[in-house]
Amino acid sequence: MSLFKPIPFFSGPMVQSFMASFKSKADKSYGKNLEGEWRSVKTKKGVTLLARVHDVPSPKGIVILVHGWEGSIHSSYIIRTTKHFLAKDYSVYRLNLRDHGDTHHLNEGIFNGSLLEETYDAVLELAKSVKSKLPVYLAGFSLGGNFVLRMAGRHSVAKGDQKIPGLKHCFAFSPALDPKRATIKMDDHPFLRKYFLKSWKSSLEKKGQLFPHLYSFHDLDRYESVMDLTEKMVKEFSQFRSVDEYFLSYTLNDLFFKSIKVPTTILTSMDDPVIPWKEFTEIPTSAYIDVVIEAKGGHCGFIEDWKRSSYYWRIMEKKMG
């Protein structure tokens, strides 16, 4: 039985997906004026990731947010979620993935979906920086949801100080379980293909301008699909022997889900234009994993009303309460 009931105007999958990412004047104003501390996080292998930390007096806990591919800590869904949980007396830490949020200059290497280790290390350091023993909640969107699930798996098998201190619950919203299928589905949608290609090409051009001795992206106009450009990047700038090997490095299978031993909630929708929903019905039953499949919601949408309140906030609060 579906519990998500959007108002009729917001019920379509593309409307939901668009409204999740649309940055209103209120979003921009709030994000610009939001007080916080910039924090550079150095990982064990020398990678630097950038986070924005917002502490409140006497917090109930810490919410760490991970955005999606070609998003950033400034994405609308991140800003609105930050605003919501700060008002609920949670401290909120927003983490940029490599080469996102204008952080291309921080590392020579180029971002790809396999980079779990540096993301886990950054979250680990952010959680360790909490002065008092507080519950930590980790939430990710789209590719960020994939990262959060993999971090839940990594935490579950980690020992001692390699476990994320205080981690109580992980949330993955519209996560990519099979990134190859998601890429194919993205390319099948003209609007999404154009949007992500344009954004990715712009990101790569920034990288090339910052590190001209390492990268030359003069031929990007040749590539007319996300898959074609992925194949180029894997072949020329990764350690992977093929695009299939690359995608498998962050594909989540049955064995992976059985390894998760921390409470985890996964939310997806049947009308997601990017993520095939039937994959979620195949996740093995587990005492630790709650899979919620809604009829509507689009991709990272789940917008309930004209104020763009998000259904997943209610899911989070219920699990966190």
C-alpha atoms as a PDB file:
ATOM      1  CA  MET A   1       0.000   0.000   0.000  1.00  0.00           C
ATOM      2  CA  SER A   2       1.476   3.329  -1.111  1.00  0.00           C
ATOM      3  CA  LEU A   3       1.887   5.878   1.675  1.00  0.00           C
ATOM      4  CA  PHE A   4       3.254   8.650  -0.541  1.00  0.00           C
ATOM      5  CA  LYS A   5       0.390  10.793  -1.809  1.00  0.00           C
ATOM      6  CA  PRO A   6       1.588  13.753  -3.919  1.00  0.00           C
ATOM      7  CA  ILE A   7      -0.856  16.477  -4.880  1.00  0.00           C
ATOM      8  CA  PRO A   8      -2.081  15.868  -8.462  1.00  0.00           C
ATOM      9  CA  PHE A   9       0.007  18.654 -10.023  1.00  0.00           C
ATOM     10  CA  PHE A  10       3.177  17.040  -8.653  1.00  0.00           C
ATOM     11  CA  SER A  11       2.304  13.433  -9.422  1.00  0.00           C
ATOM     12  CA  GLY A  12       4.214  12.960 -12.699  1.00  0.00           C
ATOM     13  CA  PRO A  13       7.686  11.350 -12.599  1.00  0.00           C
ATOM     14  CA  MET A  14       9.482  14.149 -14.448  1.00  0.00           C
ATOM     15  CA  VAL A  15       7.734  16.839 -12.407  1.00  0.00           C
ATOM     16  CA  GLN A  16       8.796  15.034  -9.220  1.00  0.00           C
ATOM     17  CA  SER A  17      12.360  14.645 -10.472  1.00  0.00           C
ATOM     18  CA  PHE A  18      12.574  18.266 -11.633  1.00  0.00           C
ATOM     19  CA  MET A  19      11.099  19.727  -8.453  1.00  0.00           C
ATOM     20  CA  ALA A  20      13.597  17.762  -6.368  1.00  0.00           C
ATOM     21  CA  SER A  21      16.510  19.539  -8.068  1.00  0.00           C
ATOM     22  CA  PHE A  22      14.966  22.901  -8.970  1.00  0.00           C
ATOM     23  CA  LYS A  23      16.794  25.587  -7.017  1.00  0.00           C
ATOM     24  CA  SER A  24      14.282  28.255  -6.033  1.00  0.00           C
ATOM     25  CA  LYS A  25      15.137  31.768  -4.833  1.00  0.00           C
ATOM     26  CA  ALA A  26      14.387  30.570  -1.300  1.00  0.00           C
ATOM     27  CA  ASP A  27      16.826  27.662  -1.696  1.00  0.00           C
ATOM     28  CA  LYS A  28      19.556  29.977  -2.999  1.00  0.00           C
ATOM     29  CA  SER A  29      18.972  32.558  -0.283  1.00  0.00           C
ATOM     30  CA  TYR A  30      18.927  29.964   2.500  1.00  0.00           C
ATOM     31  CA  GLY A  31      22.017  28.180   1.207  1.00  0.00           C
ATOM     32  CA  LYS A  32      23.922  31.449   0.827  1.00  0.00           C
ATOM     33  CA  ASN A  33      23.071  32.733   4.308  1.00  0.00           C
ATOM     34  CA  LEU A  34      23.332  29.418   6.150  1.00  0.00           C
ATOM     35  CA  GLU A  35      26.003  29.611   8.830  1.00  0.00           C
ATOM     36  CA  GLY A  36      28.507  26.777   8.929  1.00  0.00           C
ATOM     37  CA  GLU A  37      32.129  25.756   8.853  1.00  0.00           C
ATOM     38  CA  TRP A  38      33.995  24.686   5.733  1.00  0.00           C
ATOM     39  CA  ARG A  39      36.011  21.582   6.497  1.00  0.00           C
ATOM     40  CA  SER A  40      38.655  19.992   4.275  1.00  0.00           C
ATOM     41  CA  VAL A  41      38.857  16.287   4.997  1.00  0.00           C
ATOM     42  CA  LYS A  42      42.106  14.497   4.170  1.00  0.00           C
ATOM     43  CA  THR A  43      41.813  10.756   3.570  1.00  0.00           C
ATOM     44  CA  LYS A  44      44.407   8.080   4.275  1.00  0.00           C
ATOM     45  CA  LYS A  45      45.611   8.109   0.663  1.00  0.00           C
ATOM     46  CA  GLY A  46      45.928  11.876   0.512  1.00  0.00           C
ATOM     47  CA  VAL A  47      42.645  12.710  -1.223  1.00  0.00           C
ATOM     48  CA  THR A  48      40.970  15.931  -0.069  1.00  0.00           C
ATOM     49  CA  LEU A  49      37.183  16.220   0.065  1.00  0.00           C
ATOM     50  CA  LEU A  50      35.272  19.316   1.123  1.00  0.00           C
ATOM     51  CA  ALA A  51      32.391  19.393   3.582  1.00  0.00           C
ATOM     52  CA  ARG A  52      30.182  22.065   5.070  1.00  0.00           C
ATOM     53  CA  VAL A  53      29.413  21.477   8.757  1.00  0.00           C
ATOM     54  CA  HIS A  54      26.396  22.957  10.534  1.00  0.00           C
ATOM     55  CA  ASP A  55      26.339  22.353  14.296  1.00  0.00           C
ATOM     56  CA  VAL A  56      23.375  23.249  16.482  1.00  0.00           C
ATOM     57  CA  PRO A  57      23.374  23.631  20.290  1.00  0.00           C
ATOM     58  CA  SER A  58      22.555  20.353  22.060  1.00  0.00           C
ATOM     59  CA  PRO A  59      21.902  18.336  18.896  1.00  0.00           C
ATOM     60  CA  LYS A  60      19.762  15.187  18.902  1.00  0.00           C
ATOM     61  CA  GLY A  61      22.237  13.643  16.468  1.00  0.00           C
ATOM     62  CA  ILE A  62      24.299  14.183  13.323  1.00  0.00           C
ATOM     63  CA  VAL A  63      22.885  13.856   9.799  1.00  0.00           C
ATOM     64  CA  ILE A  64      25.542  13.393   7.094  1.00  0.00           C
ATOM     65  CA  LEU A  65      24.260  14.011   3.549  1.00  0.00           C
ATOM     66  CA  VAL A  66      25.760  12.701   0.291  1.00  0.00           C
ATOM     67  CA  HIS A  67      24.474  14.190  -2.978  1.00  0.00           C
ATOM     68  CA  GLY A  68      24.013  12.503  -6.350  1.00  0.00           C
ATOM     69  CA  TRP A  69      26.135  12.455  -9.516  1.00  0.00           C
ATOM     70  CA  GLU A  70      26.725  15.970 -10.915  1.00  0.00           C
ATOM     71  CA  GLY A  71      24.978  17.399  -7.870  1.00  0.00           C
ATOM     72  CA  SER A  72      26.707  18.975  -4.876  1.00  0.00           C
ATOM     73  CA  ILE A  73      26.135  20.150  -1.322  1.00  0.00           C
ATOM     74  CA  HIS A  74      24.340  23.098  -2.957  1.00  0.00           C
ATOM     75  CA  SER A  75      21.735  20.911  -4.697  1.00  0.00           C
ATOM     76  CA  SER A  76      18.162  21.828  -3.825  1.00  0.00           C
ATOM     77  CA  TYR A  77      17.301  18.457  -2.237  1.00  0.00           C
ATOM     78  CA  ILE A  78      20.416  18.760  -0.031  1.00  0.00           C
ATOM     79  CA  ILE A  79      19.663  22.365   0.945  1.00  0.00           C
ATOM     80  CA  ARG A  80      16.009  21.634   1.771  1.00  0.00           C
ATOM     81  CA  THR A  81      16.915  18.505   3.762  1.00  0.00           C
ATOM     82  CA  THR A  82      19.561  20.479   5.655  1.00  0.00           C
ATOM     83  CA  LYS A  83      17.033  23.188   6.498  1.00  0.00           C
ATOM     84  CA  HIS A  84      14.480  20.629   7.670  1.00  0.00           C
ATOM     85  CA  PHE A  85      16.783  18.757  10.037  1.00  0.00           C
ATOM     86  CA  LEU A  86      18.507  21.835  11.446  1.00  0.00           C
ATOM     87  CA  ALA A  87      15.012  23.018  12.423  1.00  0.00           C
ATOM     88  CA  LYS A  88      14.500  19.634  14.119  1.00  0.00           C
ATOM     89  CA  ASP A  89      17.661  20.175  16.219  1.00  0.00           C
ATOM     90  CA  TYR A  90      20.012  17.869  14.327  1.00  0.00           C
ATOM     91  CA  SER A  91      23.469  18.981  13.273  1.00  0.00           C
ATOM     92  CA  VAL A  92      23.912  18.509   9.526  1.00  0.00           C
ATOM     93  CA  TYR A  93      27.152  17.756   7.668  1.00  0.00           C
ATOM     94  CA  ARG A  94      27.087  18.081   3.862  1.00  0.00           C
ATOM     95  CA  LEU A  95      29.830  16.256   1.975  1.00  0.00           C
ATOM     96  CA  ASN A  96      30.967  16.936  -1.588  1.00  0.00           C
ATOM     97  CA  LEU A  97      32.114  13.956  -3.594  1.00  0.00           C
ATOM     98  CA  ARG A  98      35.358  14.425  -5.539  1.00  0.00           C
ATOM     99  CA  ASP A  99      35.037  16.915  -8.436  1.00  0.00           C
ATOM    100  CA  HIS A 100      31.615  18.091  -7.278  1.00  0.00           C
ATOM    101  CA  GLY A 101      30.637  21.481  -5.896  1.00  0.00           C
ATOM    102  CA  ASP A 102      33.563  23.298  -7.550  1.00  0.00           C
ATOM    103  CA  THR A 103      36.167  21.103  -5.843  1.00  0.00           C
ATOM    104  CA  HIS A 104      37.915  20.001  -9.043  1.00  0.00           C
ATOM    105  CA  HIS A 105      41.125  21.726  -7.924  1.00  0.00           C
ATOM    106  CA  LEU A 106      41.532  19.651  -4.763  1.00  0.00           C
ATOM    107  CA  ASN A 107      42.694  16.411  -6.427  1.00  0.00           C
ATOM    108  CA  GLU A 108      44.486  15.510  -9.650  1.00  0.00           C
ATOM    109  CA  GLY A 109      42.522  12.304 -10.233  1.00  0.00           C
ATOM    110  CA  ILE A 110      39.088  12.330 -11.864  1.00  0.00           C
ATOM    111  CA  PHE A 111      35.916  11.253 -10.055  1.00  0.00           C
ATOM    112  CA  ASN A 112      34.267   7.946 -10.856  1.00  0.00           C
ATOM    113  CA  GLY A 113      31.640   5.812  -9.146  1.00  0.00           C
ATOM    114  CA  SER A 114      34.097   3.270  -7.767  1.00  0.00           C
ATOM    115  CA  LEU A 115      35.741   5.689  -5.314  1.00  0.00           C
ATOM    116  CA  LEU A 116      34.255   4.250  -2.131  1.00  0.00           C
ATOM    117  CA  GLU A 117      37.397   4.259   0.007  1.00  0.00           C
ATOM    118  CA  GLU A 118      37.939   8.028  -0.006  1.00  0.00           C
ATOM    119  CA  THR A 119      34.246   8.729   0.585  1.00  0.00           C
ATOM    120  CA  TYR A 120      34.117   6.283   3.500  1.00  0.00           C
ATOM    121  CA  ASP A 121      37.292   7.785   4.988  1.00  0.00           C
ATOM    122  CA  ALA A 122      35.798  11.278   4.769  1.00  0.00           C
ATOM    123  CA  VAL A 123      32.565  10.224   6.482  1.00  0.00           C
ATOM    124  CA  LEU A 124      34.609   8.373   9.097  1.00  0.00           C
ATOM    125  CA  GLU A 125      36.635  11.514   9.858  1.00  0.00           C
ATOM    126  CA  LEU A 126      33.521  13.696  10.018  1.00  0.00           C
ATOM    127  CA  ALA A 127      31.889  11.287  12.471  1.00  0.00           C
ATOM    128  CA  LYS A 128      35.063  11.093  14.564  1.00  0.00           C
ATOM    129  CA  SER A 129      35.132  14.891  14.813  1.00  0.00           C
ATOM    130  CA  VAL A 130      31.897  14.875  16.824  1.00  0.00           C
ATOM    131  CA  LYS A 131      32.915  15.829  20.354  1.00  0.00           C
ATOM    132  CA  SER A 132      30.160  14.048  22.265  1.00  0.00           C
ATOM    133  CA  LYS A 133      28.717  10.593  21.696  1.00  0.00           C
ATOM    134  CA  LEU A 134      25.790  11.282  19.397  1.00  0.00           C
ATOM    135  CA  PRO A 135      23.861   9.065  16.975  1.00  0.00           C
ATOM    136  CA  VAL A 136      25.012   9.471  13.376  1.00  0.00           C
ATOM    137  CA  TYR A 137      22.629   9.113  10.426  1.00  0.00           C
ATOM    138  CA  LEU A 138      23.926   8.772   6.893  1.00  0.00           C
ATOM    139  CA  ALA A 139      21.683   9.699   3.931  1.00  0.00           C
ATOM    140  CA  GLY A 140      22.476   9.598   0.214  1.00  0.00           C
ATOM    141  CA  PHE A 141      20.607  10.395  -2.972  1.00  0.00           C
ATOM    142  CA  SER A 142      20.868   8.583  -6.343  1.00  0.00           C
ATOM    143  CA  LEU A 143      24.580   7.775  -6.809  1.00  0.00           C
ATOM    144  CA  GLY A 144      25.053   9.143  -3.295  1.00  0.00           C
ATOM    145  CA  GLY A 145      22.561   6.496  -2.189  1.00  0.00           C
ATOM    146  CA  ASN A 146      24.729   3.859  -3.832  1.00  0.00           C
ATOM    147  CA  PHE A 147      27.712   5.236  -1.902  1.00  0.00           C
ATOM    148  CA  VAL A 148      25.745   5.177   1.359  1.00  0.00           C
ATOM    149  CA  LEU A 149      24.776   1.535   0.836  1.00  0.00           C
ATOM    150  CA  ARG A 150      28.388   0.607   0.150  1.00  0.00           C
ATOM    151  CA  MET A 151      29.453   2.543   3.245  1.00  0.00           C
ATOM    152  CA  ALA A 152      26.883   0.580   5.263  1.00  0.00           C
ATOM    153  CA  GLY A 153      28.509  -2.584   3.926  1.00  0.00           C
ATOM    154  CA  ARG A 154      32.026  -1.344   4.657  1.00  0.00           C
ATOM    155  CA  HIS A 155      31.058  -0.286   8.177  1.00  0.00           C
ATOM    156  CA  SER A 156      29.455  -3.689   8.807  1.00  0.00           C
ATOM    157  CA  VAL A 157      32.715  -5.578   8.200  1.00  0.00           C
ATOM    158  CA  ALA A 158      35.096  -2.944   9.613  1.00  0.00           C
ATOM    159  CA  LYS A 159      36.962  -3.460  12.875  1.00  0.00           C
ATOM    160  CA  GLY A 160      37.711  -1.100  15.736  1.00  0.00           C
ATOM    161  CA  ASP A 161      38.388   2.511  14.813  1.00  0.00           C
ATOM    162  CA  GLN A 162      37.508   1.839  11.174  1.00  0.00           C
ATOM    163  CA  LYS A 163      33.821   1.660  12.094  1.00  0.00           C
ATOM    164  CA  ILE A 164      31.888   4.918  11.780  1.00  0.00           C
ATOM    165  CA  PRO A 165      31.373   5.952  15.428  1.00  0.00           C
ATOM    166  CA  GLY A 166      27.756   6.317  16.465  1.00  0.00           C
ATOM    167  CA  LEU A 167      26.311   5.129  13.127  1.00  0.00           C
ATOM    168  CA  LYS A 168      22.669   4.281  13.838  1.00  0.00           C
ATOM    169  CA  HIS A 169      20.910   4.230  10.480  1.00  0.00           C
ATOM    170  CA  CYS A 170      21.652   4.578   6.762  1.00  0.00           C
ATOM    171  CA  PHE A 171      19.179   5.965   4.228  1.00  0.00           C
ATOM    172  CA  ALA A 172      19.451   5.515   0.455  1.00  0.00           C
ATOM    173  CA  PHE A 173      16.965   7.430  -1.708  1.00  0.00           C
ATOM    174  CA  SER A 174      16.565   6.412  -5.378  1.00  0.00           C
ATOM    175  CA  PRO A 175      19.934   4.624  -5.263  1.00  0.00           C
ATOM    176  CA  ALA A 176      21.527   3.100  -8.345  1.00  0.00           C
ATOM    177  CA  LEU A 177      21.874  -0.630  -7.647  1.00  0.00           C
ATOM    178  CA  ASP A 178      23.026  -1.567 -11.158  1.00  0.00           C
ATOM    179  CA  PRO A 179      24.795   1.503 -12.595  1.00  0.00           C
ATOM    180  CA  LYS A 180      25.074   0.031 -16.091  1.00  0.00           C
ATOM    181  CA  ARG A 181      21.310  -0.432 -16.339  1.00  0.00           C
ATOM    182  CA  ALA A 182      20.792   3.043 -14.885  1.00  0.00           C
ATOM    183  CA  THR A 183      23.135   4.557 -17.483  1.00  0.00           C
ATOM    184  CA  ILE A 184      21.309   2.792 -20.315  1.00  0.00           C
ATOM    185  CA  LYS A 185      17.959   4.000 -18.974  1.00  0.00           C
ATOM    186  CA  MET A 186      19.325   7.537 -18.621  1.00  0.00           C
ATOM    187  CA  ASP A 187      20.487   7.507 -22.236  1.00  0.00           C
ATOM    188  CA  ASP A 188      17.053   6.302 -23.353  1.00  0.00           C
ATOM    189  CA  HIS A 189      15.517   9.524 -22.004  1.00  0.00           C
ATOM    190  CA  PRO A 190      16.392  12.474 -24.319  1.00  0.00           C
ATOM    191  CA  PHE A 191      16.060  15.185 -21.660  1.00  0.00           C
ATOM    192  CA  LEU A 192      18.044  13.324 -19.003  1.00  0.00           C
ATOM    193  CA  ARG A 193      20.725  12.272 -21.481  1.00  0.00           C
ATOM    194  CA  LYS A 194      21.205  15.874 -22.603  1.00  0.00           C
ATOM    195  CA  TYR A 195      21.204  17.234 -19.051  1.00  0.00           C
ATOM    196  CA  PHE A 196      23.744  14.810 -17.608  1.00  0.00           C
ATOM    197  CA  LEU A 197      25.991  14.884 -20.679  1.00  0.00           C
ATOM    198  CA  LYS A 198      26.144  18.680 -20.609  1.00  0.00           C
ATOM    199  CA  SER A 199      26.866  18.754 -16.884  1.00  0.00           C
ATOM    200  CA  TRP A 200      29.514  16.012 -17.073  1.00  0.00           C
ATOM    201  CA  LYS A 201      31.270  17.589 -20.056  1.00  0.00           C
ATOM    202  CA  SER A 202      31.384  20.917 -18.216  1.00  0.00           C
ATOM    203  CA  SER A 203      32.904  19.172 -15.184  1.00  0.00           C
ATOM    204  CA  LEU A 204      35.562  17.484 -17.325  1.00  0.00           C
ATOM    205  CA  GLU A 205      36.413  20.773 -19.053  1.00  0.00           C
ATOM    206  CA  LYS A 206      37.011  22.353 -15.629  1.00  0.00           C
ATOM    207  CA  LYS A 207      39.330  19.481 -14.743  1.00  0.00           C
ATOM    208  CA  GLY A 208      41.236  19.870 -17.997  1.00  0.00           C
ATOM    209  CA  GLN A 209      41.701  23.603 -17.452  1.00  0.00           C
ATOM    210  CA  LEU A 210      43.032  23.026 -13.937  1.00  0.00           C
ATOM    211  CA  PHE A 211      45.342  20.148 -14.922  1.00  0.00           C
ATOM    212  CA  PRO A 212      46.247  20.731 -18.598  1.00  0.00           C
ATOM    213  CA  HIS A 213      49.402  18.643 -18.201  1.00  0.00           C
ATOM    214  CA  LEU A 214      47.241  15.617 -17.317  1.00  0.00           C
ATOM    215  CA  TYR A 215      44.048  15.968 -19.332  1.00  0.00           C
ATOM    216  CA  SER A 216      42.968  17.143 -22.749  1.00  0.00           C
ATOM    217  CA  PHE A 217      39.244  17.069 -23.402  1.00  0.00           C
ATOM    218  CA  HIS A 218      39.168  18.681 -26.835  1.00  0.00           C
ATOM    219  CA  ASP A 219      36.973  15.959 -28.349  1.00  0.00           C
ATOM    220  CA  LEU A 220      34.007  15.931 -25.926  1.00  0.00           C
ATOM    221  CA  ASP A 221      31.560  17.105 -28.599  1.00  0.00           C
ATOM    222  CA  ARG A 222      31.979  13.736 -30.303  1.00  0.00           C
ATOM    223  CA  TYR A 223      30.199  11.910 -27.497  1.00  0.00           C
ATOM    224  CA  GLU A 224      26.423  11.895 -27.722  1.00  0.00           C
ATOM    225  CA  SER A 225      25.508   9.497 -24.917  1.00  0.00           C
ATOM    226  CA  VAL A 226      26.531   9.013 -21.302  1.00  0.00           C
ATOM    227  CA  MET A 227      27.549   5.439 -22.100  1.00  0.00           C
ATOM    228  CA  ASP A 228      29.851   6.509 -24.950  1.00  0.00           C
ATOM    229  CA  LEU A 229      31.583   9.065 -22.747  1.00  0.00           C
ATOM    230  CA  THR A 230      31.824   6.553 -19.904  1.00  0.00           C
ATOM    231  CA  GLU A 231      33.606   4.121 -22.223  1.00  0.00           C
ATOM    232  CA  LYS A 232      36.097   6.836 -23.216  1.00  0.00           C
ATOM    233  CA  MET A 233      36.799   7.804 -19.597  1.00  0.00           C
ATOM    234  CA  VAL A 234      37.194   4.199 -18.450  1.00  0.00           C
ATOM    235  CA  LYS A 235      39.520   3.372 -21.329  1.00  0.00           C
ATOM    236  CA  GLU A 236      41.736   6.460 -21.054  1.00  0.00           C
ATOM    237  CA  PHE A 237      41.637   7.496 -17.397  1.00  0.00           C
ATOM    238  CA  SER A 238      40.956   4.496 -15.158  1.00  0.00           C
ATOM    239  CA  GLN A 239      42.540   1.279 -13.946  1.00  0.00           C
ATOM    240  CA  PHE A 240      39.626  -0.770 -15.284  1.00  0.00           C
ATOM    241  CA  ARG A 241      40.080  -3.023 -18.318  1.00  0.00           C
ATOM    242  CA  SER A 242      36.562  -2.512 -19.617  1.00  0.00           C
ATOM    243  CA  VAL A 243      33.401  -0.515 -18.986  1.00  0.00           C
ATOM    244  CA  ASP A 244      31.715  -3.684 -17.650  1.00  0.00           C
ATOM    245  CA  GLU A 245      34.490  -4.168 -15.101  1.00  0.00           C
ATOM    246  CA  TYR A 246      34.066  -0.536 -14.060  1.00  0.00           C
ATOM    247  CA  PHE A 247      30.303  -0.812 -13.573  1.00  0.00           C
ATOM    248  CA  LEU A 248      30.698  -4.073 -11.645  1.00  0.00           C
ATOM    249  CA  SER A 249      32.964  -2.265  -9.164  1.00  0.00           C
ATOM    250  CA  TYR A 250      29.918  -0.518  -7.726  1.00  0.00           C
ATOM    251  CA  THR A 251      27.061  -2.798  -8.684  1.00  0.00           C
ATOM    252  CA  LEU A 252      25.193  -4.048  -5.599  1.00  0.00           C
ATOM    253  CA  ASN A 253      24.293  -7.750  -5.671  1.00  0.00           C
ATOM    254  CA  ASP A 254      22.622 -10.240  -3.314  1.00  0.00           C
ATOM    255  CA  LEU A 255      25.868 -11.140  -1.567  1.00  0.00           C
ATOM    256  CA  PHE A 256      26.555  -7.476  -0.884  1.00  0.00           C
ATOM    257  CA  PHE A 257      23.154  -6.872   0.718  1.00  0.00           C
ATOM    258  CA  LYS A 258      23.592  -9.918   2.946  1.00  0.00           C
ATOM    259  CA  SER A 259      26.759  -8.287   4.339  1.00  0.00           C
ATOM    260  CA  ILE A 260      24.958  -5.215   5.699  1.00  0.00           C
ATOM    261  CA  LYS A 261      24.608  -5.345   9.486  1.00  0.00           C
ATOM    262  CA  VAL A 262      23.517  -1.788  10.255  1.00  0.00           C
ATOM    263  CA  PRO A 263      19.877  -0.605  10.068  1.00  0.00           C
ATOM    264  CA  THR A 264      19.286   0.641   6.515  1.00  0.00           C
ATOM    265  CA  THR A 265      16.270   2.057   4.707  1.00  0.00           C
ATOM    266  CA  ILE A 266      16.013   2.126   0.916  1.00  0.00           C
ATOM    267  CA  LEU A 267      13.350   4.204  -0.865  1.00  0.00           C
ATOM    268  CA  THR A 268      12.565   4.079  -4.588  1.00  0.00           C
ATOM    269  CA  SER A 269       9.597   4.613  -6.902  1.00  0.00           C
ATOM    270  CA  MET A 270       8.062   2.594  -9.708  1.00  0.00           C
ATOM    271  CA  ASP A 271       8.029   5.649 -11.980  1.00  0.00           C
ATOM    272  CA  ASP A 272      11.706   6.565 -11.516  1.00  0.00           C
ATOM    273  CA  PRO A 273      12.934   7.637 -14.986  1.00  0.00           C
ATOM    274  CA  VAL A 274      16.518   6.555 -14.198  1.00  0.00           C
ATOM    275  CA  ILE A 275      16.487   3.575 -11.825  1.00  0.00           C
ATOM    276  CA  PRO A 276      14.711   0.287 -12.747  1.00  0.00           C
ATOM    277  CA  TRP A 277      12.442  -0.398  -9.778  1.00  0.00           C
ATOM    278  CA  LYS A 278      12.164  -4.180 -10.150  1.00  0.00           C
ATOM    279  CA  GLU A 279      15.781  -4.535  -8.980  1.00  0.00           C
ATOM    280  CA  PHE A 280      14.594  -3.545  -5.516  1.00  0.00           C
ATOM    281  CA  THR A 281      12.170  -6.466  -5.311  1.00  0.00           C
ATOM    282  CA  GLU A 282      15.185  -8.794  -5.613  1.00  0.00           C
ATOM    283  CA  ILE A 283      17.023  -7.464  -2.543  1.00  0.00           C
ATOM    284  CA  PRO A 284      17.302 -10.392  -0.089  1.00  0.00           C
ATOM    285  CA  THR A 285      15.119 -10.205   2.999  1.00  0.00           C
ATOM    286  CA  SER A 286      17.135  -8.961   5.959  1.00  0.00           C
ATOM    287  CA  ALA A 287      16.447  -7.884   9.533  1.00  0.00           C
ATOM    288  CA  TYR A 288      18.661  -4.855   8.841  1.00  0.00           C
ATOM    289  CA  ILE A 289      17.228  -3.632   5.526  1.00  0.00           C
ATOM    290  CA  ASP A 290      13.844  -2.016   4.962  1.00  0.00           C
ATOM    291  CA  VAL A 291      12.961  -1.579   1.264  1.00  0.00           C
ATOM    292  CA  VAL A 292      10.177   0.900   0.488  1.00  0.00           C
ATOM    293  CA  ILE A 293       8.848   0.936  -3.087  1.00  0.00           C
ATOM    294  CA  GLU A 294       6.309   3.671  -3.823  1.00  0.00           C
ATOM    295  CA  ALA A 295       4.149   3.899  -6.944  1.00  0.00           C
ATOM    296  CA  LYS A 296       5.135   7.528  -7.505  1.00  0.00           C
ATOM    297  CA  GLY A 297       8.012   9.810  -6.578  1.00  0.00           C
ATOM    298  CA  GLY A 298      10.177  10.104  -9.671  1.00  0.00           C
ATOM    299  CA  HIS A 299      13.939  10.225  -9.117  1.00  0.00           C
ATOM    300  CA  CYS A 300      14.851  11.604  -5.670  1.00  0.00           C
ATOM    301  CA  GLY A 301      11.538  13.481  -5.734  1.00  0.00           C
ATOM    302  CA  PHE A 302       8.818  12.388  -3.309  1.00  0.00           C
ATOM    303  CA  ILE A 303       7.575  15.988  -3.175  1.00  0.00           C
ATOM    304  CA  GLU A 304       4.359  16.142  -1.142  1.00  0.00           C
ATOM    305  CA  ASP A 305       3.097  19.723  -1.384  1.00  0.00           C
ATOM    306  CA  TRP A 306       3.591  23.233  -2.744  1.00  0.00           C
ATOM    307  CA  LYS A 307       6.290  23.880  -0.126  1.00  0.00           C
ATOM    308  CA  ARG A 308       8.222  20.925  -1.596  1.00  0.00           C
ATOM    309  CA  SER A 309       8.150  18.994   1.663  1.00  0.00           C
ATOM    310  CA  SER A 310       9.720  15.587   1.078  1.00  0.00           C
ATOM    311  CA  TYR A 311       8.135  12.281   2.015  1.00  0.00           C
ATOM    312  CA  TYR A 312      11.542  10.841   2.871  1.00  0.00           C
ATOM    313  CA  TRP A 313      11.918  13.361   5.709  1.00  0.00           C
ATOM    314  CA  ARG A 314       9.021  11.618   7.443  1.00  0.00           C
ATOM    315  CA  ILE A 315      10.620   8.218   6.814  1.00  0.00           C
ATOM    316  CA  MET A 316      13.896   9.464   8.284  1.00  0.00           C
ATOM    317  CA  GLU A 317      12.267  11.004  11.356  1.00  0.00           C
ATOM    318  CA  LYS A 318      10.327   7.814  12.048  1.00  0.00           C
ATOM    319  CA  LYS A 319      13.512   5.721  11.933  1.00  0.00           C
ATOM    320  CA  MET A 320      15.522   8.285  13.881  1.00  0.00           C
ATOM    321  CA  GLY A 321      12.885   8.738  16.577  1.00  0.00           C
END
